Amino acid sequence: MPKMKTHSGTSKRIRVTGKGKLRRQQAGLRHKLEKKPTTLTRRLSGTAEVAKPDVARLKRLLGR
């Protein structure tokens, strides 16, 4: 049986913490930033934890 390959698109978007949790970048911070309030852009900065229903699927894509 061949080795399982990591899904490269997922590996670029998702980071695994030391405890094995998945972190992702928050959406809505790429363009049209002039229209968005500063409070919103500040809230969207940083990472968020991946939603529970998606964790199993993403871990499979990452080869974990």
N, C-alpha and C. Protein backbone atom coordinates (compact mmCIF):
# COMPACT_ATOMS: atom_id res chain seq x y z
N MET A 1 0.84 -1.19 0.00
CA MET A 1 0.00 0.00 0.00
C MET A 1 0.89 1.26 0.00
N PRO A 2 0.63 2.21 -0.92
CA PRO A 2 1.48 3.40 -0.98
C PRO A 2 1.24 4.35 0.19
N LYS A 3 2.23 5.19 0.42
CA LYS A 3 2.10 6.17 1.50
C LYS A 3 0.98 7.15 1.17
N MET A 4 0.30 7.62 2.22
CA MET A 4 -0.76 8.60 2.01
C MET A 4 -0.15 9.98 1.90
N LYS A 5 -0.57 10.75 0.90
CA LYS A 5 -0.02 12.08 0.71
C LYS A 5 -0.85 13.13 1.43
N THR A 6 -0.17 14.13 1.96
CA THR A 6 -0.84 15.26 2.60
C THR A 6 -1.47 16.11 1.53
N HIS A 7 -2.69 16.59 1.76
CA HIS A 7 -3.36 17.49 0.83
C HIS A 7 -2.69 18.86 0.94
N SER A 8 -1.97 19.27 -0.12
CA SER A 8 -1.13 20.47 -0.03
C SER A 8 -1.94 21.74 0.18
N GLY A 9 -3.15 21.82 -0.40
CA GLY A 9 -4.00 23.00 -0.21
C GLY A 9 -4.42 23.15 1.24
N THR A 10 -4.74 22.03 1.88
CA THR A 10 -5.14 22.06 3.28
C THR A 10 -3.96 22.40 4.17
N SER A 11 -2.80 21.85 3.86
CA SER A 11 -1.63 22.09 4.70
C SER A 11 -1.20 23.55 4.68
N LYS A 12 -1.52 24.27 3.58
CA LYS A 12 -1.19 25.69 3.50
C LYS A 12 -2.14 26.54 4.32
N ARG A 13 -3.36 26.03 4.56
CA ARG A 13 -4.39 26.82 5.22
C ARG A 13 -4.59 26.50 6.69
N ILE A 14 -4.27 25.28 7.10
CA ILE A 14 -4.55 24.81 8.45
C ILE A 14 -3.25 24.54 9.19
N ARG A 15 -3.16 24.99 10.44
CA ARG A 15 -1.99 24.70 11.29
C ARG A 15 -2.45 23.82 12.45
N VAL A 16 -1.59 22.89 12.82
CA VAL A 16 -1.89 21.99 13.94
C VAL A 16 -1.12 22.48 15.16
N THR A 17 -1.82 22.65 16.28
CA THR A 17 -1.18 23.11 17.52
C THR A 17 -0.45 21.94 18.18
N GLY A 18 0.23 22.23 19.25
CA GLY A 18 0.95 21.21 19.98
C GLY A 18 0.04 20.15 20.56
N LYS A 19 -1.17 20.55 20.94
CA LYS A 19 -2.13 19.61 21.50
C LYS A 19 -2.95 18.89 20.44
N GLY A 20 -2.70 19.23 19.16
CA GLY A 20 -3.40 18.55 18.08
C GLY A 20 -4.65 19.25 17.60
N LYS A 21 -4.91 20.45 18.11
CA LYS A 21 -6.08 21.21 17.63
C LYS A 21 -5.74 21.86 16.30
N LEU A 22 -6.78 22.16 15.53
CA LEU A 22 -6.57 22.78 14.22
C LEU A 22 -6.93 24.26 14.27
N ARG A 23 -6.05 25.09 13.74
CA ARG A 23 -6.27 26.53 13.70
C ARG A 23 -6.32 26.98 12.25
N ARG A 24 -7.17 27.98 11.97
CA ARG A 24 -7.30 28.51 10.61
C ARG A 24 -7.32 30.03 10.67
N GLN A 25 -7.02 30.65 9.52
CA GLN A 25 -7.11 32.11 9.40
C GLN A 25 -8.58 32.47 9.25
N GLN A 26 -9.01 33.59 9.82
CA GLN A 26 -10.39 34.00 9.72
C GLN A 26 -10.66 34.62 8.35
N ALA A 27 -11.88 34.41 7.85
CA ALA A 27 -12.25 34.90 6.52
C ALA A 27 -12.63 36.37 6.57
N GLY A 28 -12.58 37.02 5.41
CA GLY A 28 -13.06 38.38 5.27
C GLY A 28 -12.02 39.46 5.49
N LEU A 29 -10.74 39.11 5.34
CA LEU A 29 -9.68 40.11 5.62
C LEU A 29 -8.73 40.25 4.43
N ARG A 30 -9.22 39.96 3.23
CA ARG A 30 -8.37 39.99 2.05
C ARG A 30 -8.56 41.26 1.21
N HIS A 31 -9.80 41.69 1.01
CA HIS A 31 -10.02 42.87 0.16
C HIS A 31 -11.22 43.67 0.66
N LYS A 32 -11.41 44.84 0.06
CA LYS A 32 -12.49 45.78 0.44
C LYS A 32 -12.35 46.19 1.91
N LEU A 33 -11.13 46.42 2.35
CA LEU A 33 -10.89 46.73 3.75
C LEU A 33 -11.24 48.17 4.09
N GLU A 34 -11.27 49.05 3.08
CA GLU A 34 -11.61 50.46 3.33
C GLU A 34 -13.04 50.60 3.82
N LYS A 35 -13.91 49.75 3.34
CA LYS A 35 -15.34 49.83 3.71
C LYS A 35 -15.62 49.24 5.09
N LYS A 36 -14.75 48.32 5.52
CA LYS A 36 -14.99 47.62 6.77
C LYS A 36 -14.51 48.45 7.96
N PRO A 37 -15.30 48.43 9.05
CA PRO A 37 -14.87 49.16 10.23
C PRO A 37 -13.59 48.59 10.84
N THR A 38 -12.82 49.44 11.45
CA THR A 38 -11.56 49.02 12.06
C THR A 38 -11.80 47.96 13.13
N THR A 39 -12.92 48.09 13.84
CA THR A 39 -13.23 47.11 14.88
C THR A 39 -13.39 45.71 14.29
N LEU A 40 -14.00 45.64 13.10
CA LEU A 40 -14.19 44.36 12.43
C LEU A 40 -12.86 43.77 11.98
N THR A 41 -12.02 44.59 11.34
CA THR A 41 -10.73 44.09 10.85
C THR A 41 -9.85 43.65 12.01
N ARG A 42 -9.97 44.34 13.13
CA ARG A 42 -9.18 43.96 14.31
C ARG A 42 -9.68 42.62 14.86
N ARG A 43 -10.99 42.42 14.85
CA ARG A 43 -11.56 41.18 15.36
C ARG A 43 -11.22 40.00 14.45
N LEU A 44 -11.12 40.25 13.14
CA LEU A 44 -10.85 39.18 12.20
C LEU A 44 -9.38 38.80 12.13
N SER A 45 -8.49 39.64 12.68
CA SER A 45 -7.07 39.30 12.64
C SER A 45 -6.80 38.14 13.60
N GLY A 46 -5.75 37.41 13.33
CA GLY A 46 -5.43 36.26 14.18
C GLY A 46 -6.10 35.01 13.67
N THR A 47 -6.00 33.94 14.43
CA THR A 47 -6.52 32.65 13.99
C THR A 47 -7.73 32.24 14.80
N ALA A 48 -8.49 31.30 14.24
CA ALA A 48 -9.66 30.76 14.92
C ALA A 48 -9.57 29.24 14.89
N GLU A 49 -10.26 28.60 15.83
CA GLU A 49 -10.25 27.15 15.85
C GLU A 49 -11.22 26.61 14.81
N VAL A 50 -10.87 25.49 14.20
CA VAL A 50 -11.71 24.88 13.18
C VAL A 50 -12.96 24.31 13.85
N ALA A 51 -14.12 24.43 13.19
CA ALA A 51 -15.39 23.93 13.72
C ALA A 51 -15.34 22.41 13.89
N LYS A 52 -15.99 21.93 14.95
CA LYS A 52 -15.95 20.50 15.29
C LYS A 52 -16.35 19.56 14.15
N PRO A 53 -17.44 19.86 13.40
CA PRO A 53 -17.82 18.93 12.33
C PRO A 53 -16.76 18.77 11.23
N ASP A 54 -15.88 19.76 11.07
CA ASP A 54 -14.87 19.71 10.01
C ASP A 54 -13.56 19.06 10.44
N VAL A 55 -13.35 18.88 11.74
CA VAL A 55 -12.05 18.43 12.25
C VAL A 55 -11.65 17.07 11.70
N ALA A 56 -12.55 16.10 11.71
CA ALA A 56 -12.21 14.74 11.27
C ALA A 56 -11.80 14.74 9.80
N ARG A 57 -12.54 15.47 8.97
CA ARG A 57 -12.25 15.52 7.54
C ARG A 57 -10.90 16.18 7.27
N LEU A 58 -10.63 17.28 7.98
CA LEU A 58 -9.37 18.00 7.77
C LEU A 58 -8.18 17.21 8.28
N LYS A 59 -8.36 16.49 9.38
CA LYS A 59 -7.26 15.67 9.91
C LYS A 59 -6.91 14.56 8.91
N ARG A 60 -7.93 14.02 8.24
CA ARG A 60 -7.70 12.99 7.23
C ARG A 60 -6.91 13.58 6.05
N LEU A 61 -7.27 14.81 5.65
CA LEU A 61 -6.57 15.47 4.54
C LEU A 61 -5.13 15.78 4.91
N LEU A 62 -4.88 16.05 6.20
CA LEU A 62 -3.52 16.35 6.65
C LEU A 62 -2.71 15.10 6.94
N GLY A 63 -3.34 13.95 6.86
CA GLY A 63 -2.64 12.69 7.09
C GLY A 63 -2.40 12.40 8.55
N ARG A 64 -3.35 12.80 9.41
CA ARG A 64 -3.23 12.55 10.85
C ARG A 64 -4.31 11.62 11.33
